[in-house]
Amino acid sequence: MRNFIARLSLEGRVKLIIICLAAFTAILFIFTVRAYSEDVPEPPGRTNLIRTSYSTDNYSVFECSGSTVAARGRYTPDRVRRLYIDKYEEYTGSYSMNASEDGSYNAELSMKPEKGEHLLVVQLSSGALMKYRIYYNDTNGWYFPVNGLDEQNRGVFDHIFDAPAEASALYLSPSADAGEINTALEQIELLTETVTGGIEDDYSKARAISRFISEKVYYDFDAAGTDADLGTIALCNVLKNSRTVCGGFANLFCAMAEAAGLDAVNIKGGVTHSTQPNVVTYAQLGDGRQNHEWAAFYYPAEERWVWVDACWDGAGDYKGGEWKPGKPKYMYFDISDEAFSLNHRADKAERRLYFSAKTETEPLEVQTEAQGEPLPEITSQVTEPALSETAPATSEFHPQPGEVLPETSVPADTPQTEVHEQPAENSPDTVLILIIAALAAGIAVVAVILINILRKRKDN
């Protein structure tokens, strides 16, 4: 080898050095990519079995064994269409599913994807997608992560803060206007009576309310993008505009639940969020930022609190001044503690008795000509009718620790693109790639310069 190098000209030696440096850079790049792609943070715990909901009409039971995920359950009135791993719709492996007329189904999916975090997707016949965080590695195969938040989340119900009437009034009217408050409460009573009419069971009432809100109220991305204030989530405006952000969804559910005789509370906490610049990953969920609000109600028949996130079950978005209809899901009503902890962390619970803010002042005059008619279908070409101006269609869904919230605080909110969340891809760090690319480019430039210098010397 030494003799070989000795026989090389100066120009040849420079070229050899350049080739060695380029090869070293390429090897470094390959190993960096491999290290980053394989070094996926493992969750603190794992389970091979999870039930998605305590409901008997809308749930799945997933059981993992090696490279196979078996599923069974029942969905009504919507039905399960298929089961797949997100980004692996054209999977390599085997898949089978059987569905019955009563909405029950069983399916089995077997595949070996890349190591790391994925989403197990249940697609309903309506097109709605329900996604659950799941992991895969060569040692354990498929499994669901366990982070302990399921027990921690339940702790908020041991320290419920009862908001005074003055605070509840602000969630009805941002200016606490008596007429505006009374009008909103009157409209809420009318909506609740229409949605829950004929339903006796508390659980079915709450489900009908949740589904109505998920179908008829749109997520306001325009408001969320401008740091939504109290006016955005105040019920007088939610009823008028039929759009709001997560705090407004929670307020409307709790107010309608109160009108139906249910005990409901607003829950404030953190959720996984995949949109920059406020990324909250699953690993950060336990102590991440507070960025979401939802609800829960107490079901006396089973002596338990039931989670309700009508926002994340929501069907439509309002964005860029356009109404964009979608498909409501049945994922976040009575979702199980284990499934909920995959993307929600509950911090605080507040009971806002909205009807305690009612006064003797006469309500404001409102448009009533269209009452009794169902809400028309919304398209992006038409103006969304206000909930306050039109009565809703009759519900089709019959059976179906302790820090407290400040009294007048405005729930923090961010656009909830997590409803369609994608986990972070297992890709190399962008900055490191740029550094390596710059190093390679630098080597190339130096090579060109040295070769030109050598050629000039040779010519002279």
Protein backbone atom coordinates (compact mmCIF):
# COMPACT_ATOMS: atom_id res chain seq x y z
CA MET A 1 0.00 0.00 0.00
CA ARG A 2 2.86 2.36 0.90
CA ASN A 3 4.58 1.62 -2.45
CA PHE A 4 1.32 2.28 -4.26
CA ILE A 5 0.94 5.69 -2.63
CA ALA A 6 4.64 6.49 -3.27
CA ARG A 7 4.20 5.85 -6.98
CA LEU A 8 1.27 8.26 -7.18
CA SER A 9 1.80 11.76 -8.42
CA LEU A 10 0.91 14.71 -6.20
CA GLU A 11 -2.32 15.12 -8.12
CA GLY A 12 -3.09 11.42 -7.65
CA ARG A 13 -2.50 11.65 -3.92
CA VAL A 14 -4.89 14.61 -3.64
CA LYS A 15 -7.53 12.70 -5.55
CA LEU A 16 -7.07 9.67 -3.26
CA ILE A 17 -7.51 11.87 -0.17
CA ILE A 18 -10.65 13.40 -1.65
CA ILE A 19 -12.10 9.98 -2.45
CA CYS A 20 -11.41 8.79 1.11
CA LEU A 21 -13.04 11.88 2.61
CA ALA A 22 -16.10 11.49 0.38
CA ALA A 23 -16.39 7.81 1.32
CA PHE A 24 -16.12 8.70 5.01
CA THR A 25 -18.84 11.33 4.63
CA ALA A 26 -21.14 8.86 2.87
CA ILE A 27 -20.61 6.22 5.58
CA LEU A 28 -21.25 8.80 8.30
CA PHE A 29 -24.45 9.86 6.59
CA ILE A 30 -25.70 6.27 6.25
CA PHE A 31 -25.03 5.45 9.88
CA THR A 32 -26.64 8.71 11.01
CA VAL A 33 -29.83 7.94 9.08
CA ARG A 34 -29.89 4.42 10.44
CA ALA A 35 -29.31 5.54 14.01
CA TYR A 36 -32.06 8.14 13.88
CA SER A 37 -34.54 5.86 12.18
CA GLU A 38 -33.97 3.03 14.63
CA ASP A 39 -33.64 5.07 17.81
CA VAL A 40 -37.40 5.49 18.33
CA PRO A 41 -38.22 6.32 21.96
CA GLU A 42 -39.93 3.38 23.59
CA PRO A 43 -42.99 4.16 25.76
CA PRO A 44 -42.62 3.49 29.49
CA GLY A 45 -44.97 0.52 29.37
CA ARG A 46 -46.92 -1.66 26.99
CA THR A 47 -50.05 -3.75 26.73
CA ASN A 48 -51.24 -6.20 24.11
CA LEU A 49 -54.95 -5.69 24.78
CA ILE A 50 -57.06 -2.54 24.72
CA ARG A 51 -60.78 -1.73 24.51
CA THR A 52 -61.51 1.60 22.88
CA SER A 53 -64.81 2.47 24.59
CA TYR A 54 -67.08 1.38 27.43
CA SER A 55 -70.05 1.69 25.08
CA THR A 56 -71.70 -1.52 23.91
CA ASP A 57 -72.71 -0.01 20.56
CA ASN A 58 -69.55 1.74 19.43
CA TYR A 59 -66.31 0.05 20.43
CA SER A 60 -63.42 -2.11 19.33
CA VAL A 61 -61.26 -4.56 21.24
CA PHE A 62 -57.73 -4.85 19.86
CA GLU A 63 -55.43 -7.72 20.78
CA CYS A 64 -51.82 -7.92 19.60
CA SER A 65 -49.77 -11.07 19.18
CA GLY A 66 -46.42 -10.78 17.43
CA SER A 67 -46.97 -9.29 13.99
CA THR A 68 -50.76 -9.77 14.18
CA VAL A 69 -53.46 -7.38 15.41
CA ALA A 70 -56.88 -8.96 15.94
CA ALA A 71 -59.93 -6.73 16.32
CA ARG A 72 -63.57 -7.25 17.24
CA GLY A 73 -66.39 -4.93 18.22
CA ARG A 74 -69.59 -3.24 17.11
CA TYR A 75 -70.54 0.13 15.58
CA THR A 76 -74.04 1.49 15.00
CA PRO A 77 -75.53 3.19 13.10
CA ASP A 78 -72.25 3.51 11.21
CA ARG A 79 -70.41 0.29 10.37
CA VAL A 80 -66.77 -0.74 10.22
CA ARG A 81 -65.48 -0.87 6.68
CA ARG A 82 -61.84 -1.85 7.19
CA LEU A 83 -58.84 -1.92 9.49
CA TYR A 84 -55.34 -0.81 8.49
CA ILE A 85 -52.09 0.82 9.62
CA ASP A 86 -51.81 4.47 8.62
CA LYS A 87 -49.28 5.02 5.80
CA TYR A 88 -49.46 1.29 5.10
CA GLU A 89 -52.81 1.10 3.39
CA GLU A 90 -51.17 -0.96 0.69
CA TYR A 91 -49.79 -3.29 3.35
CA THR A 92 -47.49 -6.24 2.89
CA GLY A 93 -49.01 -9.08 4.84
CA SER A 94 -52.42 -10.62 5.35
CA TYR A 95 -55.81 -9.13 6.21
CA SER A 96 -59.32 -10.46 6.74
CA MET A 97 -62.60 -9.02 8.05
CA ASN A 98 -66.13 -10.23 8.66
CA ALA A 99 -69.05 -7.90 9.41
CA SER A 100 -72.61 -8.66 10.53
CA GLU A 101 -75.91 -6.87 9.93
CA ASP A 102 -76.08 -5.77 13.58
CA GLY A 103 -72.86 -3.77 13.18
CA SER A 104 -70.56 -6.26 14.89
CA TYR A 105 -67.30 -7.19 13.20
CA ASN A 106 -64.04 -9.05 13.61
CA ALA A 107 -60.83 -8.53 11.68
CA GLU A 108 -57.21 -9.63 11.65
CA LEU A 109 -54.25 -7.76 10.25
CA SER A 110 -50.76 -9.24 10.05
CA MET A 111 -47.74 -7.26 8.88
CA LYS A 112 -44.19 -6.26 9.87
CA PRO A 113 -43.63 -2.52 9.32
CA GLU A 114 -40.62 -0.45 10.29
CA LYS A 115 -39.87 -0.17 14.00
CA GLY A 116 -41.57 2.66 15.87
CA GLU A 117 -44.83 4.51 16.36
CA HIS A 118 -47.79 4.03 14.03
CA LEU A 119 -51.55 4.59 13.91
CA LEU A 120 -54.06 1.75 13.82
CA VAL A 121 -57.01 3.02 11.78
CA VAL A 122 -60.63 1.90 11.93
CA GLN A 123 -62.49 3.25 8.90
CA LEU A 124 -66.28 3.42 9.10
CA SER A 125 -68.64 3.10 6.16
CA SER A 126 -69.32 6.84 6.30
CA GLY A 127 -65.63 7.48 5.64
CA ALA A 128 -64.89 8.60 9.21
CA LEU A 129 -61.49 7.50 10.51
CA MET A 130 -60.71 6.56 14.11
CA LYS A 131 -56.98 6.36 14.84
CA TYR A 132 -55.22 4.75 17.78
CA ARG A 133 -51.53 5.01 18.63
CA ILE A 134 -49.71 1.67 18.36
CA TYR A 135 -46.05 0.58 18.31
CA TYR A 136 -44.07 -2.15 16.60
CA ASN A 137 -40.62 -3.62 17.17
CA ASP A 138 -38.96 -6.88 16.23
CA THR A 139 -38.79 -8.10 19.83
CA ASN A 140 -42.38 -7.52 21.00
CA GLY A 141 -44.22 -7.19 17.72
CA TRP A 142 -47.31 -4.98 17.94
CA TYR A 143 -48.30 -3.35 21.25
CA PHE A 144 -50.09 -0.34 22.69
CA PRO A 145 -48.17 2.13 24.88
CA VAL A 146 -48.97 2.57 28.56
CA ASN A 147 -48.08 5.86 30.28
CA GLY A 148 -50.09 5.83 33.51
CA LEU A 149 -52.22 8.80 32.47
CA ASP A 150 -55.38 6.71 32.57
CA GLU A 151 -55.31 6.71 36.39
CA GLN A 152 -53.99 10.26 36.62
CA ASN A 153 -56.78 11.57 34.41
CA ARG A 154 -59.42 10.12 36.71
CA GLY A 155 -57.95 12.12 39.57
CA VAL A 156 -59.45 15.38 38.29
CA PHE A 157 -62.90 14.24 39.40
CA ASP A 158 -61.70 14.23 43.02
CA HIS A 159 -61.06 17.98 42.86
CA ILE A 160 -63.86 19.59 40.84
CA PHE A 161 -63.98 23.37 41.11
CA ASP A 162 -67.48 24.88 41.24
CA ALA A 163 -67.37 28.13 39.30
CA PRO A 164 -69.45 31.03 40.66
CA ALA A 165 -72.41 32.30 38.65
CA GLU A 166 -70.45 35.41 37.65
CA ALA A 167 -67.79 33.28 35.94
CA SER A 168 -70.35 31.04 34.24
CA ALA A 169 -72.07 34.15 32.90
CA LEU A 170 -68.95 35.11 30.94
CA TYR A 171 -69.07 31.78 29.10
CA LEU A 172 -72.59 32.65 27.99
CA SER A 173 -71.91 36.27 27.06
CA PRO A 174 -68.41 37.77 26.94
CA SER A 175 -69.81 41.06 28.25
CA ALA A 176 -72.08 39.32 30.79
CA ASP A 177 -75.06 41.07 29.19
CA ALA A 178 -78.19 39.88 30.97
CA GLY A 179 -80.38 39.87 27.87
CA GLU A 180 -77.76 38.01 25.87
CA ILE A 181 -77.36 35.46 28.65
CA ASN A 182 -81.07 34.79 28.94
CA THR A 183 -81.44 34.48 25.18
CA ALA A 184 -78.61 31.95 25.01
CA LEU A 185 -80.10 29.90 27.85
CA GLU A 186 -83.52 29.92 26.18
CA GLN A 187 -81.99 28.66 22.94
CA ILE A 188 -80.03 25.98 24.79
CA GLU A 189 -83.20 24.72 26.44
CA LEU A 190 -84.95 24.56 23.06
CA LEU A 191 -82.04 22.71 21.43
CA THR A 192 -81.79 20.25 24.31
CA GLU A 193 -85.52 19.52 24.29
CA THR A 194 -85.42 18.87 20.55
CA VAL A 195 -82.28 16.70 20.63
CA THR A 196 -83.19 14.60 23.68
CA GLY A 197 -86.97 14.51 23.29
CA GLY A 198 -88.29 11.03 24.07
CA ILE A 199 -85.01 9.80 25.54
CA GLU A 200 -85.17 8.66 29.16
CA ASP A 201 -81.72 7.28 29.91
CA ASP A 202 -79.05 9.81 30.97
CA TYR A 203 -76.34 8.05 28.96
CA SER A 204 -78.40 8.16 25.77
CA LYS A 205 -79.26 11.81 26.34
CA ALA A 206 -75.58 12.70 26.66
CA ARG A 207 -74.73 10.70 23.56
CA ALA A 208 -77.45 12.41 21.52
CA ILE A 209 -76.18 15.83 22.65
CA SER A 210 -72.57 14.96 21.86
CA ARG A 211 -73.42 13.67 18.39
CA PHE A 212 -75.60 16.67 17.61
CA ILE A 213 -72.76 19.05 18.51
CA SER A 214 -70.19 17.03 16.56
CA GLU A 215 -72.42 17.13 13.48
CA LYS A 216 -73.70 20.71 13.60
CA VAL A 217 -70.89 22.81 15.09
CA TYR A 218 -67.80 23.48 12.98
CA TYR A 219 -64.24 23.92 14.22
CA ASP A 220 -63.22 27.53 13.57
CA PHE A 221 -59.63 27.40 12.33
CA ASP A 222 -59.79 31.09 11.43
CA ALA A 223 -60.50 32.03 15.04
CA ALA A 224 -58.03 29.51 16.45
CA GLY A 225 -55.28 30.91 14.26
CA THR A 226 -55.72 34.32 15.90
CA ASP A 227 -55.52 33.20 19.54
CA ALA A 228 -59.23 32.66 20.12
CA ASP A 229 -60.63 34.79 22.94
CA LEU A 230 -63.60 34.46 25.26
CA GLY A 231 -65.94 35.73 22.57
CA THR A 232 -65.13 32.74 20.36
CA ILE A 233 -66.20 30.20 22.98
CA ALA A 234 -69.04 32.19 24.58
CA LEU A 235 -72.27 30.34 23.94
CA CYS A 236 -74.17 33.34 22.58
CA ASN A 237 -71.68 33.38 19.68
CA VAL A 238 -71.46 29.60 19.30
CA LEU A 239 -75.24 29.45 18.92
CA LYS A 240 -75.25 32.40 16.52
CA ASN A 241 -72.34 31.32 14.31
CA SER A 242 -72.43 27.51 14.57
CA ARG A 243 -68.62 27.50 14.82
CA THR A 244 -66.11 27.72 17.65
CA VAL A 245 -62.93 26.16 19.04
CA CYS A 246 -62.55 23.37 21.59
CA GLY A 247 -63.65 25.43 24.61
CA GLY A 248 -66.89 26.32 22.84
CA PHE A 249 -67.63 22.67 22.07
CA ALA A 250 -67.12 21.82 25.75
CA ASN A 251 -69.26 24.75 26.91
CA LEU A 252 -72.15 23.83 24.63
CA PHE A 253 -72.08 20.17 25.68
CA CYS A 254 -72.04 21.03 29.39
CA ALA A 255 -74.79 23.63 29.04
CA MET A 256 -77.04 21.27 27.10
CA ALA A 257 -76.24 18.48 29.56
CA GLU A 258 -77.28 20.79 32.42
CA ALA A 259 -80.52 21.57 30.60
CA ALA A 260 -81.11 17.81 30.32
CA GLY A 261 -80.58 17.34 34.05
CA LEU A 262 -77.05 15.89 33.84
CA ASP A 263 -74.02 16.75 35.93
CA ALA A 264 -71.29 17.80 33.47
CA VAL A 265 -67.90 19.45 33.88
CA ASN A 266 -65.38 21.20 31.63
CA ILE A 267 -61.97 19.51 31.53
CA LYS A 268 -58.81 21.39 30.72
CA GLY A 269 -55.52 19.66 29.88
CA GLY A 270 -52.99 18.69 27.27
CA VAL A 271 -53.20 16.69 24.07
CA THR A 272 -50.73 15.43 21.53
CA HIS A 273 -50.46 17.88 18.68
CA SER A 274 -48.54 17.44 15.45
CA THR A 275 -48.66 20.99 14.08
CA GLN A 276 -45.65 23.32 14.32
CA PRO A 277 -44.64 25.34 16.24
CA ASN A 278 -46.49 23.85 19.22
CA VAL A 279 -45.62 20.20 18.77
CA VAL A 280 -46.56 17.96 21.67
CA THR A 281 -45.45 14.39 21.07
CA TYR A 282 -46.71 11.32 22.89
CA ALA A 283 -43.47 11.23 24.90
CA GLN A 284 -44.14 14.82 26.05
CA LEU A 285 -47.82 14.35 26.81
CA GLY A 286 -47.39 13.63 30.53
CA ASP A 287 -45.93 17.06 31.28
CA GLY A 288 -46.56 18.94 28.04
CA ARG A 289 -48.30 22.26 27.52
CA GLN A 290 -51.98 22.79 28.25
CA ASN A 291 -53.65 23.18 24.89
CA HIS A 292 -57.14 21.69 24.88
CA GLU A 293 -60.53 21.60 26.61
CA TRP A 294 -63.25 18.96 26.57
CA ALA A 295 -66.00 17.66 28.87
CA ALA A 296 -67.25 14.80 31.02
CA PHE A 297 -70.59 13.89 32.58
CA TYR A 298 -71.56 11.73 35.53
CA TYR A 299 -73.60 8.61 34.77
CA PRO A 300 -75.39 7.64 38.01
CA ALA A 301 -76.55 4.23 36.76
CA GLU A 302 -72.95 3.05 36.58
CA GLU A 303 -71.52 5.51 39.13
CA ARG A 304 -68.80 6.79 36.83
CA TRP A 305 -67.67 9.84 34.87
CA VAL A 306 -67.82 9.57 31.08
CA TRP A 307 -65.31 11.39 28.83
CA VAL A 308 -66.78 13.48 25.99
CA ASP A 309 -64.72 15.33 23.39
CA ALA A 310 -67.27 16.52 20.85
CA CYS A 311 -64.62 18.73 19.26
CA TRP A 312 -62.37 15.81 18.32
CA ASP A 313 -65.41 13.87 17.12
CA GLY A 314 -66.41 16.89 15.04
CA ALA A 315 -67.43 16.59 11.43
CA GLY A 316 -66.69 19.94 9.83
CA ASP A 317 -64.16 22.76 9.72
CA TYR A 318 -64.51 26.47 9.07
CA LYS A 319 -61.31 27.64 7.39
CA GLY A 320 -60.47 30.55 5.15
CA GLY A 321 -64.07 31.73 5.40
CA GLU A 322 -65.39 28.47 3.96
CA TRP A 323 -67.51 25.73 5.51
CA LYS A 324 -65.94 22.33 4.96
CA PRO A 325 -68.27 19.46 5.93
CA GLY A 326 -66.79 16.20 7.15
CA LYS A 327 -67.73 12.93 8.80
CA PRO A 328 -68.43 12.77 12.55
CA LYS A 329 -66.69 10.02 14.50
CA TYR A 330 -67.80 7.87 17.42
CA MET A 331 -64.37 7.75 19.03
CA TYR A 332 -64.38 10.29 21.85
CA PHE A 333 -67.76 9.72 23.48
CA ASP A 334 -67.23 7.34 26.41
CA ILE A 335 -63.74 6.52 25.19
CA SER A 336 -61.96 4.16 27.56
CA ASP A 337 -59.38 5.51 30.00
CA GLU A 338 -56.61 3.53 28.30
CA ALA A 339 -57.48 4.73 24.79
CA PHE A 340 -57.97 8.31 26.00
CA SER A 341 -54.52 8.37 27.61
CA LEU A 342 -52.97 7.75 24.20
CA ASN A 343 -53.50 11.44 23.38
CA HIS A 344 -55.21 13.27 26.30
CA ARG A 345 -53.95 14.42 29.72
CA ALA A 346 -56.55 15.87 32.10
CA ASP A 347 -55.33 18.62 34.47
CA LYS A 348 -58.40 20.43 35.84
CA ALA A 349 -62.15 20.00 36.13
CA GLU A 350 -64.62 22.87 36.51
CA ARG A 351 -68.36 22.72 37.00
CA ARG A 352 -69.97 25.75 35.36
CA LEU A 353 -73.65 25.99 36.22
CA TYR A 354 -74.68 28.09 33.26
CA PHE A 355 -78.31 28.38 34.28
CA SER A 356 -77.28 29.93 37.59
CA ALA A 357 -76.46 33.06 35.55
CA LYS A 358 -80.09 33.50 34.47
CA THR A 359 -81.70 36.79 35.54
CA GLU A 360 -85.17 38.32 35.49
CA THR A 361 -84.24 40.45 32.47
CA GLU A 362 -86.21 39.62 29.35
CA PRO A 363 -84.21 37.74 26.68
CA LEU A 364 -83.28 39.54 23.49
CA GLU A 365 -85.63 39.18 20.56
CA VAL A 366 -84.44 36.45 18.21
CA GLN A 367 -85.48 35.18 14.80
CA THR A 368 -88.01 32.40 15.25
CA GLU A 369 -89.64 32.06 11.82
CA ALA A 370 -87.62 29.01 10.89
CA GLN A 371 -88.04 27.18 14.19
CA GLY A 372 -89.24 23.64 13.79
CA GLU A 373 -87.28 23.12 10.58
CA PRO A 374 -84.15 20.99 10.44
CA LEU A 375 -80.78 22.56 9.87
CA PRO A 376 -80.10 22.54 6.13
CA GLU A 377 -77.06 20.76 4.78
CA ILE A 378 -73.98 22.97 4.68
CA THR A 379 -71.77 23.36 1.67
CA SER A 380 -68.79 25.60 1.13
CA GLN A 381 -70.91 27.77 -1.18
CA VAL A 382 -73.60 28.68 1.32
CA THR A 383 -73.67 30.63 4.54
CA GLU A 384 -73.91 28.48 7.66
CA PRO A 385 -77.27 28.96 9.44
CA ALA A 386 -77.02 29.92 13.09
CA LEU A 387 -78.13 27.36 15.64
CA SER A 388 -80.08 30.14 17.33
CA GLU A 389 -82.11 30.86 14.20
CA THR A 390 -83.04 27.32 13.25
CA ALA A 391 -84.25 24.43 15.34
CA PRO A 392 -82.20 21.25 14.97
CA ALA A 393 -83.40 18.07 13.43
CA THR A 394 -84.78 15.52 15.85
CA SER A 395 -81.97 13.30 17.11
CA GLU A 396 -81.59 9.95 15.42
CA PHE A 397 -79.38 8.69 18.20
CA HIS A 398 -81.70 7.34 20.84
CA PRO A 399 -80.17 4.38 22.67
CA GLN A 400 -77.31 5.01 21.84
CA PRO A 401 -54.85 16.78 41.22
CA GLY A 402 -56.27 19.34 42.12
CA GLU A 403 -55.37 22.72 40.75
CA VAL A 404 -58.56 24.56 39.93
CA LEU A 405 -59.42 26.73 36.99
CA PRO A 406 -59.41 30.48 37.66
CA GLU A 407 -62.98 31.71 37.85
CA THR A 408 -62.73 33.95 34.80
CA SER A 409 -59.95 32.25 32.88
CA VAL A 410 -60.28 31.72 29.17
CA PRO A 411 -59.60 28.12 28.15
CA ALA A 412 -56.36 27.83 26.20
CA ASP A 413 -56.90 26.58 22.71
CA THR A 414 -55.03 25.65 19.58
CA PRO A 415 -56.25 24.37 16.21
CA GLN A 416 -56.93 20.71 16.79
CA THR A 417 -55.43 19.10 13.75
CA GLU A 418 -54.68 16.23 16.11
CA VAL A 419 -58.12 14.99 15.22
CA HIS A 420 -56.37 13.69 12.13
CA GLU A 421 -53.03 13.35 13.84
CA GLN A 422 -50.07 11.67 12.24
CA PRO A 423 -47.24 10.59 14.51
CA ALA A 424 -43.84 12.07 13.82
CA GLU A 425 -42.05 10.20 11.08
CA ASN A 426 -38.87 8.35 11.92
CA SER A 427 -36.53 10.55 9.89
CA PRO A 428 -33.02 11.94 10.53
CA ASP A 429 -32.61 15.31 12.13
CA THR A 430 -32.87 17.93 9.40
CA VAL A 431 -30.11 20.12 10.80
CA LEU A 432 -27.66 17.21 10.93
CA ILE A 433 -28.43 16.25 7.36
CA LEU A 434 -27.78 19.81 6.24
CA ILE A 435 -24.45 19.83 8.08
CA ILE A 436 -23.36 16.59 6.42
CA ALA A 437 -24.53 17.83 3.03
CA ALA A 438 -22.58 21.07 3.55
CA LEU A 439 -19.49 19.04 4.50
CA ALA A 440 -19.77 16.96 1.36
CA ALA A 441 -20.22 20.08 -0.77
CA GLY A 442 -17.18 21.65 0.92
CA ILE A 443 -15.06 18.62 0.11
CA ALA A 444 -16.13 18.82 -3.50
CA VAL A 445 -15.25 22.52 -3.70
CA VAL A 446 -11.84 21.94 -2.09
CA ALA A 447 -11.20 19.10 -4.50
CA VAL A 448 -11.92 21.25 -7.51
CA ILE A 449 -9.67 24.03 -6.22
CA LEU A 450 -6.76 21.68 -5.46
CA ILE A 451 -7.00 19.96 -8.81
CA ASN A 452 -6.98 23.30 -10.63
CA ILE A 453 -3.93 24.47 -8.65
CA LEU A 454 -2.07 21.25 -9.43
CA ARG A 455 -2.91 21.53 -13.11
CA LYS A 456 -1.62 25.10 -13.26
CA ARG A 457 1.62 24.07 -11.56
CA LYS A 458 2.01 21.18 -13.96
CA ASP A 459 1.44 23.44 -16.94
CA ASN A 460 4.04 25.91 -15.64
